[in-house]
């Protein structure tokens, strides 16, 4: 595990750090309610977008057309805990 950590610190951190530092410098100027609203709106709009995808596209590559394989039905319930966390914690 330590080898993986060292590899990531040597190769990935130098590439990603400038982008994250820029992002943090911009977002640190905003109050926390703006962060929460931004994250929640991102999750809500992403969920709405998923609901408008065609059934054929969502089930592409699926072995059958069973209703439980439709990912559009799974996304909203799975994102509710994330919304609750960002809104109330």
C-alpha atoms as a PDB file:
ATOM      1  CA  UNK A   1       0.000   0.000   0.000  1.00  0.00           C
ATOM      2  CA  UNK A   2       2.865   2.344   0.769  1.00  0.00           C
ATOM      3  CA  UNK A   3       4.269   1.792  -2.726  1.00  0.00           C
ATOM      4  CA  UNK A   4       0.968   2.871  -4.267  1.00  0.00           C
ATOM      5  CA  UNK A   5       0.886   5.975  -2.092  1.00  0.00           C
ATOM      6  CA  UNK A   6       4.432   6.894  -3.070  1.00  0.00           C
ATOM      7  CA  UNK A   7       3.681   6.327  -6.751  1.00  0.00           C
ATOM      8  CA  UNK A   8       0.607   8.581  -6.575  1.00  0.00           C
ATOM      9  CA  UNK A   9       2.459  11.278  -4.643  1.00  0.00           C
ATOM     10  CA  UNK A  10       5.248  11.311  -7.212  1.00  0.00           C
ATOM     11  CA  UNK A  11       3.147  11.127 -10.373  1.00  0.00           C
ATOM     12  CA  UNK A  12      -0.409  12.263  -9.714  1.00  0.00           C
ATOM     13  CA  UNK A  13      -0.080  14.999  -7.114  1.00  0.00           C
ATOM     14  CA  UNK A  14       2.170  17.270  -9.219  1.00  0.00           C
ATOM     15  CA  UNK A  15      -0.314  17.073 -12.090  1.00  0.00           C
ATOM     16  CA  UNK A  16      -3.506  17.661 -10.081  1.00  0.00           C
ATOM     17  CA  UNK A  17      -2.272  20.059  -7.390  1.00  0.00           C
ATOM     18  CA  UNK A  18      -2.275  23.239  -9.541  1.00  0.00           C
ATOM     19  CA  UNK A  19      -5.886  22.674 -10.626  1.00  0.00           C
ATOM     20  CA  UNK A  20      -7.068  21.940  -7.099  1.00  0.00           C
ATOM     21  CA  UNK A  21      -5.189  24.917  -5.676  1.00  0.00           C
ATOM     22  CA  UNK A  22      -6.855  27.190  -8.227  1.00  0.00           C
ATOM     23  CA  UNK A  23     -10.274  25.724  -7.459  1.00  0.00           C
ATOM     24  CA  UNK A  24      -9.757  26.124  -3.707  1.00  0.00           C
ATOM     25  CA  UNK A  25      -8.555  29.708  -4.084  1.00  0.00           C
ATOM     26  CA  UNK A  26     -11.775  30.540  -5.941  1.00  0.00           C
ATOM     27  CA  UNK A  27     -14.206  28.655  -3.744  1.00  0.00           C
ATOM     28  CA  UNK A  28     -12.666  29.737  -0.427  1.00  0.00           C
ATOM     29  CA  UNK A  29     -13.915  33.265  -1.132  1.00  0.00           C
ATOM     30  CA  UNK A  30     -17.539  32.070  -1.054  1.00  0.00           C
ATOM     31  CA  UNK A  31     -19.598  31.421   2.096  1.00  0.00           C
ATOM     32  CA  UNK A  32     -20.437  27.785   2.970  1.00  0.00           C
ATOM     33  CA  UNK A  33     -24.153  28.040   2.020  1.00  0.00           C
ATOM     34  CA  UNK A  34     -23.069  28.790  -1.554  1.00  0.00           C
ATOM     35  CA  UNK A  35     -20.954  25.624  -1.575  1.00  0.00           C
ATOM     36  CA  UNK A  36     -23.865  23.560  -0.339  1.00  0.00           C
ATOM     37  CA  UNK A  37     -26.263  25.039  -2.874  1.00  0.00           C
ATOM     38  CA  UNK A  38     -23.769  24.446  -5.683  1.00  0.00           C
ATOM     39  CA  UNK A  39     -23.233  20.808  -4.759  1.00  0.00           C
ATOM     40  CA  UNK A  40     -26.932  20.116  -4.258  1.00  0.00           C
ATOM     41  CA  UNK A  41     -27.904  21.797  -7.533  1.00  0.00           C
ATOM     42  CA  UNK A  42     -25.229  19.772  -9.329  1.00  0.00           C
ATOM     43  CA  UNK A  43     -26.713  16.554  -7.921  1.00  0.00           C
ATOM     44  CA  UNK A  44     -30.311  17.562  -8.659  1.00  0.00           C
ATOM     45  CA  UNK A  45     -29.622  18.694 -12.240  1.00  0.00           C
ATOM     46  CA  UNK A  46     -27.582  15.564 -12.892  1.00  0.00           C
ATOM     47  CA  UNK A  47     -30.454  13.437 -11.630  1.00  0.00           C
ATOM     48  CA  UNK A  48     -32.952  15.286 -13.800  1.00  0.00           C
ATOM     49  CA  UNK A  49     -30.671  14.850 -16.819  1.00  0.00           C
ATOM     50  CA  UNK A  50     -30.446  11.099 -16.191  1.00  0.00           C
ATOM     51  CA  UNK A  51     -34.236  10.831 -16.071  1.00  0.00           C
ATOM     52  CA  UNK A  52     -34.480  12.254 -19.603  1.00  0.00           C
ATOM     53  CA  UNK A  53     -32.093   9.710 -21.149  1.00  0.00           C
ATOM     54  CA  UNK A  54     -33.754   7.251 -23.501  1.00  0.00           C
ATOM     55  CA  UNK A  55     -34.473   3.773 -22.207  1.00  0.00           C
ATOM     56  CA  UNK A  56     -32.620   2.205 -25.151  1.00  0.00           C
ATOM     57  CA  UNK A  57     -29.475   4.180 -24.335  1.00  0.00           C
ATOM     58  CA  UNK A  58     -29.592   3.332 -20.641  1.00  0.00           C
ATOM     59  CA  UNK A  59     -30.076  -0.379 -21.301  1.00  0.00           C
ATOM     60  CA  UNK A  60     -27.464  -0.543 -24.075  1.00  0.00           C
ATOM     61  CA  UNK A  61     -25.384  -3.682 -23.576  1.00  0.00           C
ATOM     62  CA  UNK A  62     -27.757  -5.086 -20.980  1.00  0.00           C
ATOM     63  CA  UNK A  63     -28.546  -8.792 -21.333  1.00  0.00           C
ATOM     64  CA  UNK A  64     -32.284  -8.074 -21.105  1.00  0.00           C
ATOM     65  CA  UNK A  65     -34.727  -5.196 -20.798  1.00  0.00           C
ATOM     66  CA  UNK A  66     -35.767  -5.944 -17.192  1.00  0.00           C
ATOM     67  CA  UNK A  67     -37.078  -2.932 -15.301  1.00  0.00           C
ATOM     68  CA  UNK A  68     -34.598  -3.397 -12.450  1.00  0.00           C
ATOM     69  CA  UNK A  69     -31.712  -2.838 -14.891  1.00  0.00           C
ATOM     70  CA  UNK A  70     -32.946   0.650 -15.763  1.00  0.00           C
ATOM     71  CA  UNK A  71     -30.354   2.885 -14.103  1.00  0.00           C
ATOM     72  CA  UNK A  72     -32.646   5.895 -14.367  1.00  0.00           C
ATOM     73  CA  UNK A  73     -34.674   4.363 -11.537  1.00  0.00           C
ATOM     74  CA  UNK A  74     -31.621   3.735  -9.367  1.00  0.00           C
ATOM     75  CA  UNK A  75     -29.985   7.156  -9.561  1.00  0.00           C
ATOM     76  CA  UNK A  76     -32.537   9.286  -7.639  1.00  0.00           C
ATOM     77  CA  UNK A  77     -32.785   6.994  -4.582  1.00  0.00           C
ATOM     78  CA  UNK A  78     -29.013   6.604  -4.469  1.00  0.00           C
ATOM     79  CA  UNK A  79     -28.438  10.376  -4.529  1.00  0.00           C
ATOM     80  CA  UNK A  80     -30.906  11.200  -1.745  1.00  0.00           C
ATOM     81  CA  UNK A  81     -28.394  10.334   1.032  1.00  0.00           C
ATOM     82  CA  UNK A  82     -25.803  12.594  -0.601  1.00  0.00           C
ATOM     83  CA  UNK A  83     -28.268  15.463  -0.724  1.00  0.00           C
ATOM     84  CA  UNK A  84     -29.170  14.960   2.920  1.00  0.00           C
ATOM     85  CA  UNK A  85     -25.511  14.926   3.905  1.00  0.00           C
ATOM     86  CA  UNK A  86     -24.722  18.169   2.078  1.00  0.00           C
ATOM     87  CA  UNK A  87     -27.857  19.893   3.314  1.00  0.00           C
ATOM     88  CA  UNK A  88     -27.783  18.955   6.987  1.00  0.00           C
ATOM     89  CA  UNK A  89     -24.216  18.064   7.977  1.00  0.00           C
END
